[in-house]
Protein backbone atom coordinates (compact mmCIF):
# COMPACT_ATOMS: atom_id res chain seq x y z
CA UNK A 1 63.64 125.03 117.15
CA UNK A 2 65.35 128.10 116.45
CA UNK A 3 65.69 130.93 119.08
CA UNK A 4 64.50 134.42 117.32
CA UNK A 5 67.39 136.77 116.72
CA UNK A 6 67.48 140.24 118.45
CA UNK A 7 67.09 143.10 116.27
CA UNK A 8 69.49 146.09 115.64
CA UNK A 9 68.27 149.38 115.07
CA UNK A 10 70.20 148.97 111.28
CA UNK A 11 67.77 146.07 110.75
CA UNK A 12 70.41 143.27 111.18
CA UNK A 13 69.87 140.57 113.95
CA UNK A 14 72.40 140.66 116.78
CA UNK A 15 74.58 138.00 118.24
CA UNK A 16 77.53 137.56 120.66
CA UNK A 17 79.04 134.84 118.28
CA UNK A 18 78.38 134.05 114.66
CA UNK A 19 79.28 130.35 113.47
CA UNK A 20 79.65 129.90 110.10
CA UNK A 21 79.09 126.08 109.26
CA UNK A 22 77.13 123.39 111.04
CA UNK A 23 79.42 120.33 111.08
CA UNK A 24 81.07 118.74 114.22
CA UNK A 25 83.18 122.00 115.11
CA UNK A 26 80.67 124.30 114.31
CA UNK A 27 77.97 122.42 116.13
CA UNK A 28 80.04 121.89 118.94
CA UNK A 29 80.92 125.37 119.34
CA UNK A 30 77.79 126.85 119.15
CA UNK A 31 76.26 124.47 121.82
CA UNK A 32 79.05 125.22 124.75
CA UNK A 33 78.57 128.98 123.82
CA UNK A 34 74.81 128.78 123.98
CA UNK A 35 75.05 126.72 127.36
CA UNK A 36 76.93 129.55 128.78
CA UNK A 37 74.23 132.10 128.13
CA UNK A 38 75.36 133.76 124.60
CA UNK A 39 73.31 134.50 122.03
CA UNK A 40 74.67 132.57 119.22
CA UNK A 41 73.51 132.26 115.45
CA UNK A 42 75.07 129.24 113.28
CA UNK A 43 74.57 129.61 109.60
CA UNK A 44 74.97 126.11 107.66
CA UNK A 45 74.54 126.03 103.84
CA UNK A 46 72.95 122.56 103.54
CA UNK A 47 70.29 120.92 105.33
CA UNK A 48 70.68 118.07 107.78
CA UNK A 49 71.11 115.11 107.37
CA UNK A 50 73.67 115.45 104.47
CA UNK A 51 76.05 112.74 103.49
CA UNK A 52 79.77 113.28 104.62
CA UNK A 53 82.84 110.99 105.05
CA UNK A 54 84.91 110.95 107.71
CA UNK A 55 83.03 108.14 109.77
CA UNK A 56 85.72 106.99 112.14
CA UNK A 57 86.05 108.47 115.62
CA UNK A 58 88.97 108.03 117.86
CA UNK A 59 88.74 107.32 121.63
CA UNK A 60 89.81 110.87 122.15
CA UNK A 61 86.21 111.89 120.96
CA UNK A 62 84.25 109.77 123.84
CA UNK A 63 84.98 112.31 126.72
CA UNK A 64 83.77 115.15 124.23
CA UNK A 65 80.49 113.49 123.91
CA UNK A 66 80.11 113.12 127.39
CA UNK A 67 80.69 117.13 127.83
CA UNK A 68 78.20 117.65 125.55
CA UNK A 69 75.54 115.69 126.68
CA UNK A 70 75.09 113.57 123.68
CA UNK A 71 77.11 110.23 124.30
CA UNK A 72 74.04 108.13 124.57
CA UNK A 73 72.86 109.31 121.24
CA UNK A 74 76.19 108.63 119.43
CA UNK A 75 76.44 105.27 120.99
CA UNK A 76 73.17 104.20 119.82
CA UNK A 77 73.91 104.85 115.92
CA UNK A 78 77.75 103.87 116.33
CA UNK A 79 79.58 100.64 115.41
CA UNK A 80 81.95 99.89 118.22
CA UNK A 81 85.50 100.08 117.00
CA UNK A 82 88.27 98.67 119.63
CA UNK A 83 91.13 98.97 117.25
CA UNK A 84 92.77 99.25 113.69
CA UNK A 85 94.51 97.08 111.40
CA UNK A 86 96.86 97.59 108.77
CA UNK A 87 97.67 95.62 105.68
CA UNK A 88 100.96 95.91 103.92
CA UNK A 89 101.28 94.01 100.22
CA UNK A 90 105.13 94.22 101.31
CA UNK A 91 104.72 92.53 104.24
CA UNK A 92 103.06 88.70 104.83
CA UNK A 93 101.10 89.35 107.80
CA UNK A 94 98.14 91.79 108.83
CA UNK A 95 99.10 93.90 112.35
CA UNK A 96 96.33 94.76 114.24
CA UNK A 97 96.20 97.57 117.10
CA UNK A 98 93.97 97.79 119.92
CA UNK A 99 93.34 100.96 121.95
CA UNK A 100 93.35 99.05 125.01
CA UNK A 101 96.83 98.85 125.00
CA UNK A 102 97.40 102.42 124.59
CA UNK A 103 99.27 104.29 127.81
CA UNK A 104 96.10 105.83 128.97
CA UNK A 105 93.83 102.48 129.60
CA UNK A 106 90.63 104.58 130.07
CA UNK A 107 89.59 104.79 126.49
CA UNK A 108 89.66 101.39 124.95
CA UNK A 109 87.39 102.13 122.25
CA UNK A 110 85.61 104.49 119.50
CA UNK A 111 82.75 104.38 117.25
CA UNK A 112 82.27 104.22 113.40
CA UNK A 113 79.35 106.44 112.63
CA UNK A 114 77.42 107.30 109.61
CA UNK A 115 78.26 110.94 109.51
CA UNK A 116 75.00 112.30 108.05
CA UNK A 117 73.35 110.96 111.50
CA UNK A 118 76.25 111.80 113.72
CA UNK A 119 76.44 115.48 112.25
CA UNK A 120 72.84 115.82 112.79
CA UNK A 121 72.65 114.67 116.43
CA UNK A 122 75.37 117.43 117.15
CA UNK A 123 73.72 120.31 115.14
CA UNK A 124 70.15 119.40 116.94
CA UNK A 125 72.29 119.36 120.48
CA UNK A 126 73.24 123.12 119.56
CA UNK A 127 69.58 124.28 118.93
CA UNK A 128 68.31 122.47 122.13
CA UNK A 129 70.82 124.53 123.89
CA UNK A 130 69.27 127.25 122.52
CA UNK A 131 71.80 128.33 119.59
CA UNK A 132 69.97 129.82 116.53
CA UNK A 133 70.68 127.42 114.10
CA UNK A 134 69.65 128.12 110.56
CA UNK A 135 70.04 125.82 107.76
CA UNK A 136 69.93 126.35 104.20
CA UNK A 137 71.69 129.84 104.58
CA UNK A 138 75.45 130.47 103.35
CA UNK A 139 77.36 133.06 104.68
CA UNK A 140 78.17 135.46 101.67
CA UNK A 141 80.20 138.42 103.41
CA UNK A 142 81.92 138.99 106.58
CA UNK A 143 83.27 142.70 107.20
CA UNK A 144 85.39 143.31 110.29
CA UNK A 145 84.21 146.67 112.12
CA UNK A 146 86.76 149.33 113.09
CA UNK A 147 87.58 149.41 116.75
CA UNK A 148 87.30 145.74 117.51
CA UNK A 149 83.30 146.28 117.78
CA UNK A 150 82.86 143.33 115.88
CA UNK A 151 81.74 141.84 112.23
CA UNK A 152 78.82 142.57 110.02
CA UNK A 153 78.12 139.50 108.15
CA UNK A 154 75.72 138.71 104.94
CA UNK A 155 74.07 135.32 104.48
CA UNK A 156 71.84 134.34 101.52
CA UNK A 157 68.92 131.82 102.37
CA UNK A 158 67.85 129.11 100.02
CA UNK A 159 64.86 131.23 99.09
CA UNK A 160 66.77 134.10 97.88
CA UNK A 161 66.54 136.32 100.83
CA UNK A 162 69.74 138.12 102.41
CA UNK A 163 69.87 138.56 106.16
CA UNK A 164 72.48 140.71 107.90
CA UNK A 165 74.07 139.91 111.13
CA UNK A 166 75.90 142.15 113.81
CA UNK A 167 78.19 139.86 115.67
CA UNK A 168 80.89 140.70 118.67
CA UNK A 169 82.84 137.30 117.59
CA UNK A 170 82.97 135.24 114.35
CA UNK A 171 83.80 131.03 114.33
CA UNK A 172 84.65 130.09 111.01
CA UNK A 173 84.18 126.45 111.20
CA UNK A 174 83.34 125.99 107.14
CA UNK A 175 85.20 123.35 106.99
CA UNK A 176 87.12 122.64 103.85
CA UNK A 177 85.28 125.88 102.39
CA UNK A 178 87.41 127.99 104.54
CA UNK A 179 85.68 130.90 104.04
CA UNK A 180 87.65 133.18 106.39
CA UNK A 181 91.09 131.73 105.06
CA UNK A 182 90.27 132.13 101.45
CA UNK A 183 88.69 135.88 102.46
CA UNK A 184 92.04 136.93 103.85
CA UNK A 185 94.13 134.48 101.35
CA UNK A 186 95.42 132.91 104.07
CA UNK A 187 94.99 129.46 102.98
CA UNK A 188 97.99 127.59 101.40
CA UNK A 189 98.72 124.47 99.98
CA UNK A 190 100.51 121.88 102.41
CA UNK A 191 104.19 121.58 100.88
CA UNK A 192 104.64 118.39 102.57
CA UNK A 193 101.94 116.43 101.18
CA UNK A 194 99.28 116.27 98.57
CA UNK A 195 96.55 113.87 98.01
CA UNK A 196 93.53 113.00 96.13
CA UNK A 197 90.46 110.94 97.26
CA UNK A 198 87.72 108.86 95.62
CA UNK A 199 85.12 107.19 98.15
CA UNK A 200 81.48 105.32 98.32
CA UNK A 201 79.47 103.18 100.59
CA UNK A 202 78.89 99.37 99.84
CA UNK A 203 76.66 96.78 101.15
CA UNK A 204 77.92 93.48 101.20
CA UNK A 205 81.51 93.99 102.34
CA UNK A 206 83.45 91.27 103.97
CA UNK A 207 83.95 92.16 107.51
CA UNK A 208 86.29 90.94 110.03
CA UNK A 209 84.68 88.75 112.80
CA UNK A 210 83.87 89.22 116.68
CA UNK A 211 84.80 92.01 118.65
CA UNK A 212 86.89 93.12 115.80
CA UNK A 213 84.02 93.44 113.31
CA UNK A 214 83.78 97.33 113.56
CA UNK A 215 87.88 97.72 113.40
CA UNK A 216 89.31 100.05 110.78
CA UNK A 217 91.53 98.79 108.41
CA UNK A 218 94.08 100.51 106.38
CA UNK A 219 95.25 99.11 103.08
CA UNK A 220 98.68 100.14 101.47
CA UNK A 221 99.02 99.92 97.83
CA UNK A 222 101.19 101.22 95.33
CA UNK A 223 99.66 104.68 94.75
CA UNK A 224 98.64 105.38 98.33
CA UNK A 225 95.96 103.53 100.92
CA UNK A 226 92.57 102.79 101.62
CA UNK A 227 90.26 103.17 104.32
CA UNK A 228 87.45 100.52 105.13
CA UNK A 229 85.04 101.48 107.89
CA UNK A 230 82.32 99.24 108.70
CA UNK A 231 79.20 100.78 109.60
CA UNK A 232 76.35 99.84 112.10
CA UNK A 233 73.81 99.28 109.65
CA UNK A 234 75.81 97.17 107.42
CA UNK A 235 77.21 99.41 105.08
CA UNK A 236 80.58 99.78 104.48
CA UNK A 237 82.71 103.34 103.60
CA UNK A 238 85.51 102.53 101.46
CA UNK A 239 88.05 105.33 100.14
CA UNK A 240 91.33 105.41 98.11
CA UNK A 241 93.55 108.46 99.11
CA UNK A 242 96.00 108.32 96.20
CA UNK A 243 98.76 110.41 95.10
CA UNK A 244 97.74 113.47 92.68
CA UNK A 245 99.35 111.99 89.44
CA UNK A 246 97.31 108.37 89.69
CA UNK A 247 93.95 110.53 89.84
CA UNK A 248 95.22 112.18 86.53
CA UNK A 249 95.24 108.63 84.99
CA UNK A 250 91.59 108.34 84.98
CA UNK A 251 91.17 109.94 81.85
CA UNK A 252 87.49 109.90 81.12
CA UNK A 253 86.43 107.10 82.50
CA UNK A 254 83.20 106.94 84.39
CA UNK A 255 84.40 107.56 88.02
CA UNK A 256 82.66 104.37 89.53
CA UNK A 257 84.43 102.50 86.81
CA UNK A 258 87.85 103.75 87.64
CA UNK A 259 86.81 103.36 91.38
CA UNK A 260 86.42 99.87 90.83
CA UNK A 261 89.94 99.69 88.83
CA UNK A 262 91.32 101.25 91.99
CA UNK A 263 90.13 98.51 94.64
CA UNK A 264 90.96 95.70 92.18
CA UNK A 265 94.87 96.92 92.34
CA UNK A 266 94.63 96.04 96.02
CA UNK A 267 94.34 91.92 96.47
CA UNK A 268 93.45 91.79 100.13
CA UNK A 269 90.79 94.91 99.45
CA UNK A 270 89.46 93.34 96.43
CA UNK A 271 89.06 89.93 97.91
CA UNK A 272 86.54 91.49 100.88
CA UNK A 273 84.55 93.74 98.12
CA UNK A 274 83.77 90.30 95.94
CA UNK A 275 80.42 90.52 96.76
CA UNK A 276 79.79 94.23 97.52
CA UNK A 277 77.40 96.42 95.87
CA UNK A 278 77.51 100.34 95.79
CA UNK A 279 74.93 101.92 98.26
CA UNK A 280 76.11 105.61 97.19
CA UNK A 281 77.34 107.67 94.30
CA UNK A 282 81.28 107.29 93.88
CA UNK A 283 82.64 110.78 95.00
CA UNK A 284 86.61 112.18 94.78
CA UNK A 285 88.06 115.30 95.84
CA UNK A 286 91.61 117.21 95.17
CA UNK A 287 93.12 119.91 97.32
CA UNK A 288 93.42 117.61 100.54
CA UNK A 289 95.73 118.87 102.43
CA UNK A 290 96.31 122.37 103.26
CA UNK A 291 96.84 124.83 105.72
CA UNK A 292 96.20 128.69 106.87
CA UNK A 293 98.80 131.07 107.70
CA UNK A 294 96.55 131.80 110.85
CA UNK A 295 94.61 130.43 113.49
CA UNK A 296 92.67 133.55 114.71
CA UNK A 297 92.36 137.38 114.43
CA UNK A 298 90.95 139.92 117.30
CA UNK A 299 87.28 138.97 116.56
CA UNK A 300 87.60 135.63 114.94
CA UNK A 301 89.06 131.89 115.22
CA UNK A 302 89.37 129.27 112.70
CA UNK A 303 88.21 126.04 114.00
CA UNK A 304 88.98 122.36 112.33
CA UNK A 305 89.34 121.90 108.63
CA UNK A 306 88.77 125.78 108.27
CA UNK A 307 92.47 125.97 109.57
CA UNK A 308 93.95 122.94 108.02
CA UNK A 309 92.82 119.72 106.53
CA UNK A 310 95.64 117.04 107.08
CA UNK A 311 95.43 113.25 105.09
CA UNK A 312 92.76 111.14 107.17
CA UNK A 313 94.69 107.86 107.42
CA UNK A 314 94.51 108.12 111.28
CA UNK A 315 90.71 109.33 111.76
CA UNK A 316 92.03 112.34 113.54
CA UNK A 317 89.68 114.95 111.62
CA UNK A 318 86.30 114.84 113.50
CA UNK A 319 88.54 114.55 117.10
CA UNK A 320 90.36 117.20 115.96
CA UNK A 321 87.56 119.59 114.69
CA UNK A 322 85.70 119.43 118.21
CA UNK A 323 88.57 119.58 120.32
CA UNK A 324 89.33 122.77 118.60
CA UNK A 325 85.61 123.81 119.29
CA UNK A 326 86.12 123.10 123.06
CA UNK A 327 89.16 125.20 123.38
CA UNK A 328 87.43 127.85 120.93
CA UNK A 329 84.44 128.24 123.22
CA UNK A 330 86.78 128.65 125.91
CA UNK A 331 89.06 131.28 124.13
CA UNK A 332 85.59 133.09 122.92
CA UNK A 333 84.37 133.53 126.50
CA UNK A 334 87.47 134.84 127.92
CA UNK A 335 87.74 137.49 124.98
CA UNK A 336 84.27 138.65 125.76
CA UNK A 337 84.01 138.53 129.34
CA UNK A 338 87.45 139.58 130.31
CA UNK A 339 88.95 141.38 127.24
CA UNK A 340 92.21 142.51 129.36
CA UNK A 341 93.42 138.53 129.16
CA UNK A 342 92.31 138.12 125.56
CA UNK A 343 95.87 138.52 123.89
CA UNK A 344 96.89 135.71 126.15
CA UNK A 345 93.56 133.31 125.63
CA UNK A 346 94.47 133.90 121.75
CA UNK A 347 97.83 132.78 121.87
CA UNK A 348 96.74 130.00 123.89
CA UNK A 349 94.04 128.97 121.35
CA UNK A 350 96.95 129.24 118.41
CA UNK A 351 99.28 127.05 120.07
CA UNK A 352 96.48 124.32 120.73
CA UNK A 353 95.61 124.67 117.20
CA UNK A 354 99.08 123.82 116.05
CA UNK A 355 99.75 121.30 118.34
CA UNK A 356 97.24 118.54 117.25
CA UNK A 357 97.84 118.54 113.53
CA UNK A 358 101.62 118.58 114.03
CA UNK A 359 101.18 115.32 116.33
CA UNK A 360 99.85 113.73 113.42
CA UNK A 361 101.57 115.14 110.53
CA UNK A 362 105.23 113.80 111.53
CA UNK A 363 103.57 110.12 110.98
CA UNK A 364 101.46 111.38 108.02
CA UNK A 365 104.34 112.35 106.16
CA UNK A 366 106.32 109.15 106.53
CA UNK A 367 103.26 106.37 106.48
CA UNK A 368 104.47 105.55 103.35
CA UNK A 369 108.17 105.15 103.81
CA UNK A 370 109.26 101.79 104.11
CA UNK A 371 110.82 102.17 107.28
CA UNK A 372 107.68 103.17 109.00
CA UNK A 373 105.24 100.57 107.21
CA UNK A 374 108.04 98.08 109.01
CA UNK A 375 107.59 99.68 112.41
CA UNK A 376 103.82 99.99 112.02
CA UNK A 377 103.83 96.35 110.42
CA UNK A 378 106.10 94.86 113.44
CA UNK A 379 105.87 97.18 116.22
CA UNK A 380 108.02 96.55 119.62
CA UNK A 381 107.10 98.05 123.00
CA UNK A 382 110.59 98.92 123.83
CA UNK A 383 110.39 101.47 126.79
CA UNK A 384 106.74 101.99 125.83
CA UNK A 385 107.14 103.41 122.33
CA UNK A 386 103.91 101.00 121.05
CA UNK A 387 102.00 102.26 123.95
CA UNK A 388 102.70 105.98 123.05
CA UNK A 389 102.02 105.13 119.47
CA UNK A 390 98.71 103.73 120.26
CA UNK A 391 98.03 106.89 122.25
CA UNK A 392 98.34 108.89 119.29
CA UNK A 393 96.45 106.62 117.23
CA UNK A 394 93.83 106.89 119.92
CA UNK A 395 94.01 110.93 119.66
CA UNK A 396 95.37 111.17 123.19
CA UNK A 397 97.76 114.01 121.92
CA UNK A 398 96.46 117.02 124.24
CA UNK A 399 96.29 115.29 127.89
CA UNK A 400 98.52 114.63 130.56
CA UNK A 401 99.64 111.20 129.15
CA UNK A 402 103.66 110.87 129.18
CA UNK A 403 103.76 110.09 125.75
CA UNK A 404 106.26 112.69 124.94
CA UNK A 405 109.41 110.78 125.80
CA UNK A 406 108.51 107.25 124.11
CA UNK A 407 107.58 109.32 120.97
CA UNK A 408 110.92 110.89 121.01
CA UNK A 409 112.33 107.37 121.02
CA UNK A 410 110.31 105.96 118.43
CA UNK A 411 111.22 108.88 116.19
CA UNK A 412 115.13 108.47 116.96
CA UNK A 413 114.40 104.74 116.00
CA UNK A 414 113.06 106.00 112.95
CA UNK A 415 115.59 107.96 111.78
CA UNK A 416 118.37 105.22 112.87
CA UNK A 417 116.91 102.75 110.78
CA UNK A 418 116.42 104.95 107.80
CA UNK A 419 120.11 106.05 107.93
CA UNK A 420 121.09 102.13 108.34
CA UNK A 421 119.18 101.75 104.79
CA UNK A 422 120.35 104.97 103.23
CA UNK A 423 119.70 103.62 99.73
CA UNK A 424 116.47 102.50 100.62
CA UNK A 425 115.43 105.71 102.33
CA UNK A 426 116.67 107.95 99.65
CA UNK A 427 114.76 106.07 96.93
CA UNK A 428 111.59 106.43 99.08
CA UNK A 429 112.42 110.01 99.54
CA UNK A 430 112.38 110.69 95.75
CA UNK A 431 109.57 108.93 95.04
CA UNK A 432 107.60 110.65 97.58
CA UNK A 433 108.61 114.29 96.43
CA UNK A 434 107.61 112.94 92.78
CA UNK A 435 104.34 111.67 94.42
CA UNK A 436 103.34 114.73 96.09
CA UNK A 437 104.19 117.05 93.29
CA UNK A 438 101.20 119.33 92.00
CA UNK A 439 99.49 117.96 88.73
CA UNK A 440 97.91 120.52 86.75
CA UNK A 441 94.60 119.94 85.74
CA UNK A 442 93.71 117.79 88.78
CA UNK A 443 90.31 119.33 89.30
CA UNK A 444 89.32 118.99 85.66
CA UNK A 445 90.05 115.25 86.06
CA UNK A 446 88.00 115.20 89.04
CA UNK A 447 85.17 116.69 87.81
CA UNK A 448 84.91 114.91 84.34
């Protein structure tokens, strides 16, 4: 399945593009570049299939699947997702949104997927398109060579052997490992947001019925929010994204017990979990929001989570990763074929990489504020603001859909309502500032 590497005189294998990481961003970029005739080597430290959360996709993913040639394979493993439901303890009703009500009516649904199956589809697709895919091989070092002549990387295989690769261009798609971001000390904690997560798969959780059976449900609760994601095989992914201080209250409780106690704090979710049984180990993670101070260099790009990770409340991660790979592949193609246009291409790449997270982050930073909760739970379509909001929820932030004006109006309504309730707004702001503070020893609390 792997294409043999060309050998250099110095004993290193040679490729046009080295891809670090075989998740959605790396596998997508590798497939696109190999399809264009580039010699691509992809190193993935794990072996597919492997467990991963982030199972909820967006309608904006579907055109990307078509372009990659994997639409039928994803459909075969997917649970149809026609919308999202929000449940708030501060409101007496639930609020459902359907993607079909967004401005662009051509993307009415998405899928929920087991990431082990989904990611394997993408990485095998890269291999079929003649990228050299090497699993069980972790990049240890990358040195960029003088004179813009590429980079020399070293990777360790599972058997302990070391492979050297000379590449003209490097794509860091290492996810939250942020390989180059850490190497260049470019990774920064997101000072506007800070959270932790605890999650597992369950069997027997109560789902919605009919067309809504595959919809994601977001439950707000005192310490953050929960996701509830139904999967096609009957399992349900459940996770809590909490403020760091809350995770520290675990003390030395077993993680499974702590998670069950956390679920018990949210009555509507607890009711849907009465007959649920764990179907995977409970896992937790911290350092949940960060950004690197750059998106690229002259011979490298940071894709997807290797550049930034934002709170997953809107399920934007896979879509942003894959979109970055499409833009990244175009950028690499320009840089290698038309070096005189490289500067302009890199500038466009930088702008696009910053656009997506920025579009979602404005809502993410405010999603737990009383004003934003009210606007989500009681949406109005004045001047199409609800349609524009649904376009964002669908991931339609890069296209030509005219959402900018209605979104500006939505933001204006948010600020006006916040000012009209200034005491509540200031109290919520002070609470959030306390909630996002850095908590010492949070890593130890997660690992105990």
